[in-house]
PDB file of N, CA and C in Angstrom:
ATOM      1  N   MET A   1       0.860  -1.177   0.000  1.00  0.00           N
ATOM      2  CA  MET A   1       0.000   0.000   0.000  1.00  0.00           C
ATOM      3  C   MET A   1       0.904   1.237   0.000  1.00  0.00           C
ATOM      4  N   ALA A   2       0.638   2.118  -0.934  1.00  0.00           N
ATOM      5  CA  ALA A   2       1.442   3.332  -1.079  1.00  0.00           C
ATOM      6  C   ALA A   2       1.101   4.330   0.028  1.00  0.00           C
ATOM      7  N   LEU A   3       2.027   5.214   0.298  1.00  0.00           N
ATOM      8  CA  LEU A   3       1.845   6.210   1.352  1.00  0.00           C
ATOM      9  C   LEU A   3       0.654   7.142   1.085  1.00  0.00           C
ATOM     10  N   PRO A   4       0.450   7.650  -0.147  1.00  0.00           N
ATOM     11  CA  PRO A   4      -0.734   8.501  -0.365  1.00  0.00           C
ATOM     12  C   PRO A   4      -2.053   7.768  -0.097  1.00  0.00           C
ATOM     13  N   GLU A   5      -2.107   6.491  -0.407  1.00  0.00           N
ATOM     14  CA  GLU A   5      -3.320   5.720  -0.117  1.00  0.00           C
ATOM     15  C   GLU A   5      -3.524   5.578   1.388  1.00  0.00           C
ATOM     16  N   LEU A   6      -2.454   5.377   2.128  1.00  0.00           N
ATOM     17  CA  LEU A   6      -2.535   5.274   3.577  1.00  0.00           C
ATOM     18  C   LEU A   6      -2.985   6.601   4.192  1.00  0.00           C
ATOM     19  N   ILE A   7      -2.490   7.705   3.655  1.00  0.00           N
ATOM     20  CA  ILE A   7      -2.899   9.021   4.148  1.00  0.00           C
ATOM     21  C   ILE A   7      -4.382   9.250   3.886  1.00  0.00           C
ATOM     22  N   ARG A   8      -4.871   8.822   2.735  1.00  0.00           N
ATOM     23  CA  ARG A   8      -6.312   8.946   2.441  1.00  0.00           C
ATOM     24  C   ARG A   8      -7.142   8.152   3.430  1.00  0.00           C
ATOM     25  N   ILE A   9      -6.717   6.940   3.720  1.00  0.00           N
ATOM     26  CA  ILE A   9      -7.469   6.096   4.656  1.00  0.00           C
ATOM     27  C   ILE A   9      -7.488   6.719   6.040  1.00  0.00           C
ATOM     28  N   VAL A  10      -6.351   7.228   6.481  1.00  0.00           N
ATOM     29  CA  VAL A  10      -6.270   7.866   7.808  1.00  0.00           C
ATOM     30  C   VAL A  10      -7.157   9.112   7.854  1.00  0.00           C
ATOM     31  N   ALA A  11      -7.183   9.892   6.775  1.00  0.00           N
ATOM     32  CA  ALA A  11      -8.013  11.102   6.739  1.00  0.00           C
ATOM     33  C   ALA A  11      -9.496  10.756   6.805  1.00  0.00           C
ATOM     34  N   VAL A  12      -9.907   9.737   6.075  1.00  0.00           N
ATOM     35  CA  VAL A  12     -11.323   9.352   6.079  1.00  0.00           C
ATOM     36  C   VAL A  12     -11.719   8.782   7.431  1.00  0.00           C
ATOM     37  N   VAL A  13     -10.893   7.918   8.000  1.00  0.00           N
ATOM     38  CA  VAL A  13     -11.204   7.339   9.310  1.00  0.00           C
ATOM     39  C   VAL A  13     -11.206   8.431  10.386  1.00  0.00           C
ATOM     40  N   GLY A  14     -10.280   9.363  10.307  1.00  0.00           N
ATOM     41  CA  GLY A  14     -10.255  10.468  11.267  1.00  0.00           C
ATOM     42  C   GLY A  14     -11.488  11.348  11.167  1.00  0.00           C
ATOM     43  N   ALA A  15     -11.912  11.650   9.943  1.00  0.00           N
ATOM     44  CA  ALA A  15     -13.118  12.465   9.763  1.00  0.00           C
ATOM     45  C   ALA A  15     -14.355  11.735  10.277  1.00  0.00           C
ATOM     46  N   LEU A  16     -14.423  10.430  10.055  1.00  0.00           N
ATOM     47  CA  LEU A  16     -15.555   9.658  10.584  1.00  0.00           C
ATOM     48  C   LEU A  16     -15.533   9.635  12.106  1.00  0.00           C
ATOM     49  N   ALA A  17     -14.343   9.550  12.709  1.00  0.00           N
ATOM     50  CA  ALA A  17     -14.240   9.582  14.174  1.00  0.00           C
ATOM     51  C   ALA A  17     -14.690  10.930  14.725  1.00  0.00           C
ATOM     52  N   VAL A  18     -14.305  12.018  14.051  1.00  0.00           N
ATOM     53  CA  VAL A  18     -14.736  13.351  14.470  1.00  0.00           C
ATOM     54  C   VAL A  18     -16.257  13.477  14.343  1.00  0.00           C
ATOM     55  N   MET A  19     -16.812  12.923  13.284  1.00  0.00           N
ATOM     56  CA  MET A  19     -18.255  12.972  13.079  1.00  0.00           C
ATOM     57  C   MET A  19     -18.991  12.252  14.212  1.00  0.00           C
ATOM     58  N   LEU A  20     -18.542  11.052  14.545  1.00  0.00           N
ATOM     59  CA  LEU A  20     -19.195  10.294  15.613  1.00  0.00           C
ATOM     60  C   LEU A  20     -19.015  10.962  16.974  1.00  0.00           C
ATOM     61  N   ALA A  21     -17.826  11.486  17.253  1.00  0.00           N
ATOM     62  CA  ALA A  21     -17.596  12.177  18.519  1.00  0.00           C
ATOM     63  C   ALA A  21     -18.455  13.434  18.614  1.00  0.00           C
ATOM     64  N   GLY A  22     -18.581  14.151  17.516  1.00  0.00           N
ATOM     65  CA  GLY A  22     -19.424  15.345  17.507  1.00  0.00           C
ATOM     66  C   GLY A  22     -20.886  15.023  17.742  1.00  0.00           C
ATOM     67  N   LEU A  23     -21.360  13.945  17.129  1.00  0.00           N
ATOM     68  CA  LEU A  23     -22.746  13.527  17.371  1.00  0.00           C
ATOM     69  C   LEU A  23     -22.965  13.190  18.838  1.00  0.00           C
ATOM     70  N   TRP A  24     -21.994  12.492  19.417  1.00  0.00           N
ATOM     71  CA  TRP A  24     -22.116  12.130  20.822  1.00  0.00           C
ATOM     72  C   TRP A  24     -22.110  13.377  21.708  1.00  0.00           C
ATOM     73  N   LEU A  25     -21.239  14.327  21.412  1.00  0.00           N
ATOM     74  CA  LEU A  25     -21.161  15.545  22.222  1.00  0.00           C
ATOM     75  C   LEU A  25     -22.434  16.388  22.125  1.00  0.00           C
ATOM     76  N   VAL A  26     -22.984  16.509  20.920  1.00  0.00           N
ATOM     77  CA  VAL A  26     -24.218  17.282  20.764  1.00  0.00           C
ATOM     78  C   VAL A  26     -25.366  16.595  21.502  1.00  0.00           C
ATOM     79  N   ALA A  27     -25.463  15.280  21.368  1.00  0.00           N
ATOM     80  CA  ALA A  27     -26.526  14.550  22.065  1.00  0.00           C
ATOM     81  C   ALA A  27     -26.368  14.654  23.579  1.00  0.00           C
ATOM     82  N   ALA A  28     -25.138  14.563  24.067  1.00  0.00           N
ATOM     83  CA  ALA A  28     -24.907  14.674  25.506  1.00  0.00           C
ATOM     84  C   ALA A  28     -25.257  16.071  26.010  1.00  0.00           C
ATOM     85  N   ARG A  29     -24.935  17.082  25.224  1.00  0.00           N
ATOM     86  CA  ARG A  29     -25.245  18.463  25.626  1.00  0.00           C
ATOM     87  C   ARG A  29     -26.753  18.703  25.662  1.00  0.00           C
ATOM     88  N   LEU A  30     -27.459  18.169  24.650  1.00  0.00           N
ATOM     89  CA  LEU A  30     -28.914  18.320  24.638  1.00  0.00           C
ATOM     90  C   LEU A  30     -29.551  17.596  25.825  1.00  0.00           C
ATOM     91  N   LYS A  31     -29.023  16.426  26.153  1.00  0.00           N
ATOM     92  CA  LYS A  31     -29.561  15.681  27.289  1.00  0.00           C
ATOM     93  C   LYS A  31     -29.256  16.392  28.606  1.00  0.00           C
ATOM     94  N   ALA A  32     -28.053  16.963  28.736  1.00  0.00           N
ATOM     95  CA  ALA A  32     -27.680  17.664  29.961  1.00  0.00           C
ATOM     96  C   ALA A  32     -28.538  18.906  30.184  1.00  0.00           C
ATOM     97  N   LYS A  33     -28.883  19.572  29.087  1.00  0.00           N
ATOM     98  CA  LYS A  33     -29.715  20.776  29.214  1.00  0.00           C
ATOM     99  C   LYS A  33     -31.199  20.429  29.268  1.00  0.00           C
ATOM    100  N   ASN A  34     -31.516  19.135  29.134  1.00  0.00           N
ATOM    101  CA  ASN A  34     -32.908  18.674  29.112  1.00  0.00           C
ATOM    102  C   ASN A  34     -33.695  19.435  28.043  1.00  0.00           C
ATOM    103  N   GLN A  35     -33.105  19.484  26.871  1.00  0.00           N
ATOM    104  CA  GLN A  35     -33.640  20.280  25.771  1.00  0.00           C
ATOM    105  C   GLN A  35     -33.909  19.368  24.579  1.00  0.00           C
ATOM    106  N   GLY A  36     -34.980  19.632  23.877  1.00  0.00           N
ATOM    107  CA  GLY A  36     -35.319  18.855  22.690  1.00  0.00           C
ATOM    108  C   GLY A  36     -34.630  19.398  21.451  1.00  0.00           C
ATOM    109  N   PHE A  37     -35.087  18.929  20.306  1.00  0.00           N
ATOM    110  CA  PHE A  37     -34.516  19.361  19.039  1.00  0.00           C
ATOM    111  C   PHE A  37     -35.213  20.625  18.568  1.00  0.00           C
ATOM    112  N   GLY A  38     -34.459  21.697  18.542  1.00  0.00           N
ATOM    113  CA  GLY A  38     -34.937  22.960  18.011  1.00  0.00           C
ATOM    114  C   GLY A  38     -34.070  23.363  16.840  1.00  0.00           C
ATOM    115  N   PRO A  39     -34.237  24.587  16.357  1.00  0.00           N
ATOM    116  CA  PRO A  39     -33.444  25.036  15.216  1.00  0.00           C
ATOM    117  C   PRO A  39     -31.946  25.060  15.485  1.00  0.00           C
ATOM    118  N   ASN A  40     -31.544  25.428  16.687  1.00  0.00           N
ATOM    119  CA  ASN A  40     -30.113  25.468  17.002  1.00  0.00           C
ATOM    120  C   ASN A  40     -29.520  24.070  17.121  1.00  0.00           C
ATOM    121  N   ALA A  41     -30.304  23.120  17.626  1.00  0.00           N
ATOM    122  CA  ALA A  41     -29.822  21.738  17.718  1.00  0.00           C
ATOM    123  C   ALA A  41     -29.663  21.140  16.326  1.00  0.00           C
ATOM    124  N   VAL A  42     -30.584  21.435  15.446  1.00  0.00           N
ATOM    125  CA  VAL A  42     -30.485  20.939  14.071  1.00  0.00           C
ATOM    126  C   VAL A  42     -29.275  21.562  13.383  1.00  0.00           C
ATOM    127  N   LYS A  43     -29.022  22.829  13.651  1.00  0.00           N
ATOM    128  CA  LYS A  43     -27.844  23.493  13.070  1.00  0.00           C
ATOM    129  C   LYS A  43     -26.555  22.864  13.590  1.00  0.00           C
ATOM    130  N   ALA A  44     -26.498  22.557  14.884  1.00  0.00           N
ATOM    131  CA  ALA A  44     -25.311  21.927  15.452  1.00  0.00           C
ATOM    132  C   ALA A  44     -25.096  20.535  14.862  1.00  0.00           C
ATOM    133  N   LEU A  45     -26.166  19.773  14.740  1.00  0.00           N
ATOM    134  CA  LEU A  45     -26.044  18.444  14.151  1.00  0.00           C
ATOM    135  C   LEU A  45     -25.641  18.529  12.681  1.00  0.00           C
ATOM    136  N   GLY A  46     -26.189  19.486  11.964  1.00  0.00           N
ATOM    137  CA  GLY A  46     -25.802  19.662  10.570  1.00  0.00           C
ATOM    138  C   GLY A  46     -24.338  20.006  10.427  1.00  0.00           C
ATOM    139  N   LEU A  47     -23.852  20.855  11.297  1.00  0.00           N
ATOM    140  CA  LEU A  47     -22.436  21.237  11.275  1.00  0.00           C
ATOM    141  C   LEU A  47     -21.544  20.039  11.575  1.00  0.00           C
ATOM    142  N   VAL A  48     -21.920  19.265  12.577  1.00  0.00           N
ATOM    143  CA  VAL A  48     -21.124  18.110  12.980  1.00  0.00           C
ATOM    144  C   VAL A  48     -21.094  17.052  11.877  1.00  0.00           C
ATOM    145  N   LEU A  49     -22.171  16.921  11.134  1.00  0.00           N
ATOM    146  CA  LEU A  49     -22.213  15.913  10.081  1.00  0.00           C
ATOM    147  C   LEU A  49     -21.638  16.404   8.757  1.00  0.00           C
ATOM    148  N   LEU A  50     -21.842  17.664   8.425  1.00  0.00           N
ATOM    149  CA  LEU A  50     -21.460  18.138   7.096  1.00  0.00           C
ATOM    150  C   LEU A  50     -19.989  18.504   6.958  1.00  0.00           C
ATOM    151  N   VAL A  51     -19.394  19.071   7.971  1.00  0.00           N
ATOM    152  CA  VAL A  51     -17.986  19.476   7.845  1.00  0.00           C
ATOM    153  C   VAL A  51     -17.067  18.260   7.667  1.00  0.00           C
ATOM    154  N   PRO A  52     -17.200  17.199   8.477  1.00  0.00           N
ATOM    155  CA  PRO A  52     -16.370  16.025   8.192  1.00  0.00           C
ATOM    156  C   PRO A  52     -16.693  15.387   6.840  1.00  0.00           C
ATOM    157  N   ALA A  53     -17.960  15.440   6.422  1.00  0.00           N
ATOM    158  CA  ALA A  53     -18.317  14.902   5.112  1.00  0.00           C
ATOM    159  C   ALA A  53     -17.629  15.688   4.005  1.00  0.00           C
ATOM    160  N   LEU A  54     -17.485  16.999   4.203  1.00  0.00           N
ATOM    161  CA  LEU A  54     -16.779  17.811   3.204  1.00  0.00           C
ATOM    162  C   LEU A  54     -15.283  17.526   3.197  1.00  0.00           C
ATOM    163  N   ILE A  55     -14.762  16.958   4.255  1.00  0.00           N
ATOM    164  CA  ILE A  55     -13.367  16.528   4.254  1.00  0.00           C
ATOM    165  C   ILE A  55     -13.252  15.179   3.549  1.00  0.00           C
ATOM    166  N   ILE A  56     -14.218  14.324   3.768  1.00  0.00           N
ATOM    167  CA  ILE A  56     -14.184  12.983   3.192  1.00  0.00           C
ATOM    168  C   ILE A  56     -14.356  13.023   1.675  1.00  0.00           C
ATOM    169  N   ILE A  57     -15.239  13.870   1.171  1.00  0.00           N
ATOM    170  CA  ILE A  57     -15.556  13.878  -0.264  1.00  0.00           C
ATOM    171  C   ILE A  57     -14.322  14.097  -1.136  1.00  0.00           C
ATOM    172  N   PRO A  58     -13.556  15.165  -0.960  1.00  0.00           N
ATOM    173  CA  PRO A  58     -12.411  15.335  -1.867  1.00  0.00           C
ATOM    174  C   PRO A  58     -11.277  14.337  -1.630  1.00  0.00           C
ATOM    175  N   VAL A  59     -11.176  13.808  -0.409  1.00  0.00           N
ATOM    176  CA  VAL A  59     -10.112  12.843  -0.134  1.00  0.00           C
ATOM    177  C   VAL A  59     -10.453  11.486  -0.750  1.00  0.00           C
ATOM    178  N   ALA A  60     -11.683  11.039  -0.552  1.00  0.00           N
ATOM    179  CA  ALA A  60     -12.075   9.721  -1.039  1.00  0.00           C
ATOM    180  C   ALA A  60     -12.387   9.734  -2.534  1.00  0.00           C
ATOM    181  N   LEU A  61     -12.840  10.869  -3.047  1.00  0.00           N
ATOM    182  CA  LEU A  61     -13.213  10.973  -4.462  1.00  0.00           C
ATOM    183  C   LEU A  61     -12.396  12.084  -5.113  1.00  0.00           C
ATOM    184  N   PRO A  62     -11.184  11.797  -5.517  1.00  0.00           N
ATOM    185  CA  PRO A  62     -10.310  12.863  -6.042  1.00  0.00           C
ATOM    186  C   PRO A  62     -10.769  13.440  -7.384  1.00  0.00           C
ATOM    187  N   GLN A  63     -11.755  12.837  -8.044  1.00  0.00           N
ATOM    188  CA  GLN A  63     -12.227  13.382  -9.312  1.00  0.00           C
ATOM    189  C   GLN A  63     -13.096  14.635  -9.122  1.00  0.00           C
ATOM    190  N   PHE A  64     -13.462  14.963  -7.875  1.00  0.00           N
ATOM    191  CA  PHE A  64     -14.201  16.192  -7.613  1.00  0.00           C
ATOM    192  C   PHE A  64     -13.297  17.386  -7.893  1.00  0.00           C
ATOM    193  N   GLN A  65     -13.856  18.388  -8.525  1.00  0.00           N
ATOM    194  CA  GLN A  65     -13.079  19.590  -8.815  1.00  0.00           C
ATOM    195  C   GLN A  65     -13.023  20.479  -7.576  1.00  0.00           C
ATOM    196  N   SER A  66     -11.978  21.260  -7.476  1.00  0.00           N
ATOM    197  CA  SER A  66     -11.812  22.123  -6.303  1.00  0.00           C
ATOM    198  C   SER A  66     -12.912  23.178  -6.233  1.00  0.00           C
ATOM    199  N   GLU A  67     -13.449  23.602  -7.385  1.00  0.00           N
ATOM    200  CA  GLU A  67     -14.539  24.592  -7.383  1.00  0.00           C
ATOM    201  C   GLU A  67     -15.792  24.027  -6.736  1.00  0.00           C
ATOM    202  N   THR A  68     -16.051  22.752  -6.948  1.00  0.00           N
ATOM    203  CA  THR A  68     -17.227  22.119  -6.349  1.00  0.00           C
ATOM    204  C   THR A  68     -17.097  22.076  -4.836  1.00  0.00           C
ATOM    205  N   VAL A  69     -15.944  21.682  -4.350  1.00  0.00           N
ATOM    206  CA  VAL A  69     -15.720  21.616  -2.909  1.00  0.00           C
ATOM    207  C   VAL A  69     -15.753  23.015  -2.297  1.00  0.00           C
ATOM    208  N   ALA A  70     -15.211  24.013  -3.002  1.00  0.00           N
ATOM    209  CA  ALA A  70     -15.242  25.390  -2.504  1.00  0.00           C
ATOM    210  C   ALA A  70     -16.679  25.904  -2.408  1.00  0.00           C
ATOM    211  N   ALA A  71     -17.510  25.557  -3.380  1.00  0.00           N
ATOM    212  CA  ALA A  71     -18.916  25.968  -3.330  1.00  0.00           C
ATOM    213  C   ALA A  71     -19.628  25.321  -2.153  1.00  0.00           C
ATOM    214  N   LEU A  72     -19.348  24.062  -1.900  1.00  0.00           N
ATOM    215  CA  LEU A  72     -19.958  23.381  -0.752  1.00  0.00           C
ATOM    216  C   LEU A  72     -19.495  24.000   0.564  1.00  0.00           C
ATOM    217  N   LEU A  73     -18.209  24.309   0.665  1.00  0.00           N
ATOM    218  CA  LEU A  73     -17.698  24.952   1.884  1.00  0.00           C
ATOM    219  C   LEU A  73     -18.312  26.330   2.093  1.00  0.00           C
ATOM    220  N   GLY A  74     -18.511  27.083   1.028  1.00  0.00           N
ATOM    221  CA  GLY A  74     -19.155  28.389   1.134  1.00  0.00           C
ATOM    222  C   GLY A  74     -20.588  28.280   1.605  1.00  0.00           C
ATOM    223  N   THR A  75     -21.276  27.266   1.124  1.00  0.00           N
ATOM    224  CA  THR A  75     -22.656  27.047   1.555  1.00  0.00           C
ATOM    225  C   THR A  75     -22.709  26.718   3.041  1.00  0.00           C
ATOM    226  N   ILE A  76     -21.807  25.870   3.490  1.00  0.00           N
ATOM    227  CA  ILE A  76     -21.768  25.500   4.910  1.00  0.00           C
ATOM    228  C   ILE A  76     -21.408  26.716   5.766  1.00  0.00           C
ATOM    229  N   ALA A  77     -20.467  27.527   5.312  1.00  0.00           N
ATOM    230  CA  ALA A  77     -20.085  28.722   6.072  1.00  0.00           C
ATOM    231  C   ALA A  77     -21.267  29.679   6.211  1.00  0.00           C
ATOM    232  N   GLY A  78     -22.010  29.870   5.154  1.00  0.00           N
ATOM    233  CA  GLY A  78     -23.201  30.723   5.230  1.00  0.00           C
ATOM    234  C   GLY A  78     -24.243  30.166   6.172  1.00  0.00           C
ATOM    235  N   TYR A  79     -24.392  28.862   6.174  1.00  0.00           N
ATOM    236  CA  TYR A  79     -25.357  28.207   7.054  1.00  0.00           C
ATOM    237  C   TYR A  79     -24.951  28.369   8.516  1.00  0.00           C
ATOM    238  N   VAL A  80     -23.674  28.156   8.794  1.00  0.00           N
ATOM    239  CA  VAL A  80     -23.192  28.217  10.175  1.00  0.00           C
ATOM    240  C   VAL A  80     -23.203  29.646  10.691  1.00  0.00           C
ATOM    241  N   LEU A  81     -22.840  30.601   9.866  1.00  0.00           N
ATOM    242  CA  LEU A  81     -22.736  31.982  10.323  1.00  0.00           C
ATOM    243  C   LEU A  81     -24.043  32.748  10.264  1.00  0.00           C
ATOM    244  N   SER A  82     -25.106  32.107   9.783  1.00  0.00           N
ATOM    245  CA  SER A  82     -26.392  32.793   9.766  1.00  0.00           C
ATOM    246  C   SER A  82     -26.878  32.991  11.198  1.00  0.00           C
ATOM    247  N   GLN A  83     -27.808  33.892  11.367  1.00  0.00           N
ATOM    248  CA  GLN A  83     -28.268  34.259  12.701  1.00  0.00           C
ATOM    249  C   GLN A  83     -29.072  33.118  13.318  1.00  0.00           C
ATOM    250  N   SER A  84     -28.743  32.762  14.541  1.00  0.00           N
ATOM    251  CA  SER A  84     -29.468  31.734  15.278  1.00  0.00           C
ATOM    252  C   SER A  84     -30.645  32.360  15.994  1.00  0.00           C
ATOM    253  N   ARG A  85     -31.629  31.553  16.246  1.00  0.00           N
ATOM    254  CA  ARG A  85     -32.794  32.045  16.993  1.00  0.00           C
ATOM    255  C   ARG A  85     -32.475  32.043  18.481  1.00  0.00           C
ATOM    256  N   PRO A  86     -32.919  33.039  19.205  1.00  0.00           N
ATOM    257  CA  PRO A  86     -32.647  33.063  20.645  1.00  0.00           C
ATOM    258  C   PRO A  86     -33.410  31.936  21.344  1.00  0.00           C
ATOM    259  N   GLU A  87     -32.848  31.483  22.448  1.00  0.00           N
ATOM    260  CA  GLU A  87     -33.521  30.424  23.230  1.00  0.00           C
ATOM    261  C   GLU A  87     -34.750  31.012  23.901  1.00  0.00           C
ATOM    262  N   GLU A  88     -35.763  30.192  23.968  1.00  0.00           N
ATOM    263  CA  GLU A  88     -37.011  30.617  24.609  1.00  0.00           C
ATOM    264  C   GLU A  88     -37.195  29.950  25.936  1.00  0.00           C
TER     265      GLU A  88
END
């Protein structure tokens, strides 16, 4: 197995580990606050799932163009930086 292939595998496994850890942390935080799923919880879960997925896509599928990945990252940045609703 060549070194670039090993680096790809490590990057994908690391991104999946971050995704699972993030899901666990968000769920634990929601449970600790005794809070259900609202708009901010959905935004947190979306962030935890989409950012590692955006790391996995160009690493696992090198035929993706850099413009496509940049457009996806811009969309995620706009989503994350949009105004959150205040807690009620």
